[in-house]
Amino acid sequence: MKKKTLDSLGIRRAAMDLLARREHGVQELARKLQQRGADPEQVQVELQRLQEEGLLCEQRYLESYIRSRGLSGRGPLRIREELQQRGLSRQDIDLALDEADIDWQEQLQEQWQRKFGEKPADQKAFAKQARFLLYRGYPMDWVQKLLR
């Protein structure tokens, strides 16, 4: 069975439907549209139009993503990695992380308090707590400072 291809109007409608649900990055939105059968060249043209109209904005996407993940307990290292996997530039990510209105140290403290609540009694407990916080995306020096 042949996959139906989207025309210019279909690409725009599909993009608008996706953007109505949440912000998207350009590469992420392009990938989703191509999976729906859109021609890559037409996708780029339509995404450029959406950017010019202010309907697609990577800066808004970065801010939204960082706020969402940061408030759910993810640390800056994990968020940076996730955004790089979504095709955003390291420079833009670092700038958005710096400008984010999130106290990362406080987030680290809250995550640790919620999960453990007390300092590790031995090396095994220290390793367990450290692994948890490192996996969440907090830097090793912050984790060590908190746990000591």
Protein backbone atom coordinates (compact mmCIF):
# COMPACT_ATOMS: atom_id res chain seq x y z
CA MET A 1 0.00 0.00 0.00
CA LYS A 2 1.40 3.36 -1.03
CA LYS A 3 1.83 6.01 1.66
CA LYS A 4 -0.29 9.12 1.13
CA THR A 5 1.84 12.24 0.61
CA LEU A 6 0.89 15.57 2.08
CA ASP A 7 0.59 18.67 -0.08
CA SER A 8 1.60 22.14 1.09
CA LEU A 9 -1.73 22.80 2.80
CA GLY A 10 -1.72 19.35 4.40
CA ILE A 11 1.79 19.94 5.76
CA ARG A 12 0.73 23.26 7.26
CA ARG A 13 -2.40 21.75 8.83
CA ALA A 14 -0.44 18.85 10.31
CA ALA A 15 2.21 21.22 11.65
CA MET A 16 -0.43 23.49 13.18
CA ASP A 17 -2.14 20.48 14.79
CA LEU A 18 1.15 19.41 16.36
CA LEU A 19 1.99 22.95 17.49
CA ALA A 20 -1.46 23.35 19.04
CA ARG A 21 -0.66 20.51 21.43
CA ARG A 22 2.77 21.77 22.49
CA GLU A 23 5.85 23.65 21.29
CA HIS A 24 8.16 21.74 18.95
CA GLY A 25 11.69 22.23 17.71
CA VAL A 26 12.20 22.65 13.98
CA GLN A 27 13.98 19.32 13.48
CA GLU A 28 11.48 17.45 15.66
CA LEU A 29 8.53 18.90 13.75
CA ALA A 30 10.20 18.20 10.39
CA ARG A 31 10.76 14.56 11.39
CA LYS A 32 7.15 14.12 12.46
CA LEU A 33 5.82 15.65 9.25
CA GLN A 34 8.08 13.48 7.10
CA GLN A 35 6.85 10.41 8.99
CA ARG A 36 3.35 11.42 7.90
CA GLY A 37 4.42 11.33 4.26
CA ALA A 38 5.44 14.91 3.58
CA ASP A 39 8.16 15.76 1.08
CA PRO A 40 11.29 17.00 2.96
CA GLU A 41 11.70 20.02 0.68
CA GLN A 42 8.08 21.09 1.11
CA VAL A 43 8.40 20.58 4.86
CA GLN A 44 11.35 22.98 5.01
CA VAL A 45 9.45 25.62 3.03
CA GLU A 46 6.39 25.37 5.29
CA LEU A 47 8.46 25.36 8.49
CA GLN A 48 10.27 28.48 7.29
CA ARG A 49 6.90 30.17 6.75
CA LEU A 50 5.74 29.15 10.22
CA GLN A 51 8.93 30.59 11.72
CA GLU A 52 8.50 33.87 9.82
CA GLU A 53 4.92 34.10 11.09
CA GLY A 54 6.09 33.49 14.67
CA LEU A 55 4.11 30.27 15.02
CA LEU A 56 7.21 28.09 15.28
CA CYS A 57 9.93 29.37 17.59
CA GLU A 58 12.86 27.33 18.87
CA GLN A 59 13.45 29.79 21.71
CA ARG A 60 9.90 29.23 23.01
CA TYR A 61 10.42 25.50 22.62
CA LEU A 62 13.65 25.62 24.62
CA GLU A 63 12.05 27.66 27.41
CA SER A 64 9.01 25.40 27.56
CA TYR A 65 11.05 22.20 27.54
CA ILE A 66 13.51 23.39 30.19
CA ARG A 67 10.72 24.63 32.47
CA SER A 68 8.75 21.41 32.11
CA ARG A 69 11.69 19.08 32.69
CA GLY A 70 13.31 21.27 35.34
CA LEU A 71 10.17 21.46 37.44
CA SER A 72 9.71 17.71 37.18
CA GLY A 73 13.09 17.18 38.82
CA ARG A 74 15.47 16.78 35.89
CA GLY A 75 18.85 18.42 36.24
CA PRO A 76 20.59 20.66 33.72
CA LEU A 77 22.92 17.96 32.38
CA ARG A 78 20.08 15.59 31.53
CA ILE A 79 18.01 18.37 29.97
CA ARG A 80 21.00 19.48 27.87
CA GLU A 81 21.50 15.92 26.61
CA GLU A 82 17.81 15.48 25.75
CA LEU A 83 17.74 18.76 23.82
CA GLN A 84 20.92 17.93 21.91
CA GLN A 85 19.31 14.63 20.88
CA ARG A 86 16.42 16.69 19.51
CA GLY A 87 18.81 18.56 17.24
CA LEU A 88 19.18 21.89 19.04
CA SER A 89 22.54 23.64 19.18
CA ARG A 90 24.66 23.41 22.31
CA GLN A 91 25.08 27.19 22.38
CA ASP A 92 21.31 27.84 22.30
CA ILE A 93 20.72 25.18 24.95
CA ASP A 94 23.38 26.57 27.29
CA LEU A 95 22.02 30.09 26.90
CA ALA A 96 18.46 28.94 27.62
CA LEU A 97 19.60 26.93 30.66
CA ASP A 98 21.45 29.96 32.02
CA GLU A 99 18.42 32.19 31.49
CA ALA A 100 15.96 29.68 32.96
CA ASP A 101 14.31 30.90 36.12
CA ILE A 102 15.10 27.66 37.95
CA ASP A 103 17.25 27.32 41.05
CA TRP A 104 19.01 24.08 40.12
CA GLN A 105 20.59 23.68 43.57
CA GLU A 106 17.15 23.96 45.18
CA GLN A 107 15.75 21.43 42.69
CA LEU A 108 18.59 19.05 43.58
CA GLN A 109 17.85 19.46 47.28
CA GLU A 110 14.12 18.84 46.75
CA GLN A 111 14.73 15.71 44.68
CA TRP A 112 17.07 14.31 47.29
CA GLN A 113 14.74 15.22 50.17
CA ARG A 114 11.72 13.66 48.45
CA LYS A 115 13.53 10.41 47.65
CA PHE A 116 15.86 9.91 50.61
CA GLY A 117 15.53 12.60 53.28
CA GLU A 118 18.58 11.65 55.29
CA LYS A 119 22.32 11.64 54.72
CA PRO A 120 23.78 8.31 53.64
CA ALA A 121 24.89 6.15 56.57
CA ASP A 122 27.52 4.16 54.68
CA GLN A 123 29.31 3.95 51.34
CA LYS A 124 26.60 1.75 49.81
CA ALA A 125 23.87 4.27 50.67
CA PHE A 126 26.08 7.11 49.42
CA ALA A 127 26.55 5.34 46.07
CA LYS A 128 22.81 4.67 45.76
CA GLN A 129 21.86 8.29 46.44
CA ALA A 130 24.60 9.62 44.18
CA ARG A 131 23.54 7.33 41.29
CA PHE A 132 19.95 8.49 41.60
CA LEU A 133 20.87 12.19 41.50
CA LEU A 134 23.44 11.77 38.72
CA TYR A 135 20.89 9.90 36.61
CA ARG A 136 18.47 12.79 37.11
CA GLY A 137 21.08 15.06 35.53
CA TYR A 138 22.85 16.90 38.32
CA PRO A 139 26.62 17.49 38.23
CA MET A 140 28.84 15.24 40.35
CA ASP A 141 30.32 18.10 42.39
CA TRP A 142 26.82 19.30 43.39
CA VAL A 143 25.83 15.78 44.38
CA GLN A 144 28.97 15.23 46.44
CA LYS A 145 28.54 18.57 48.18
CA LEU A 146 24.93 17.73 49.07
CA LEU A 147 25.69 14.23 50.35
CA ARG A 148 28.74 15.11 52.46
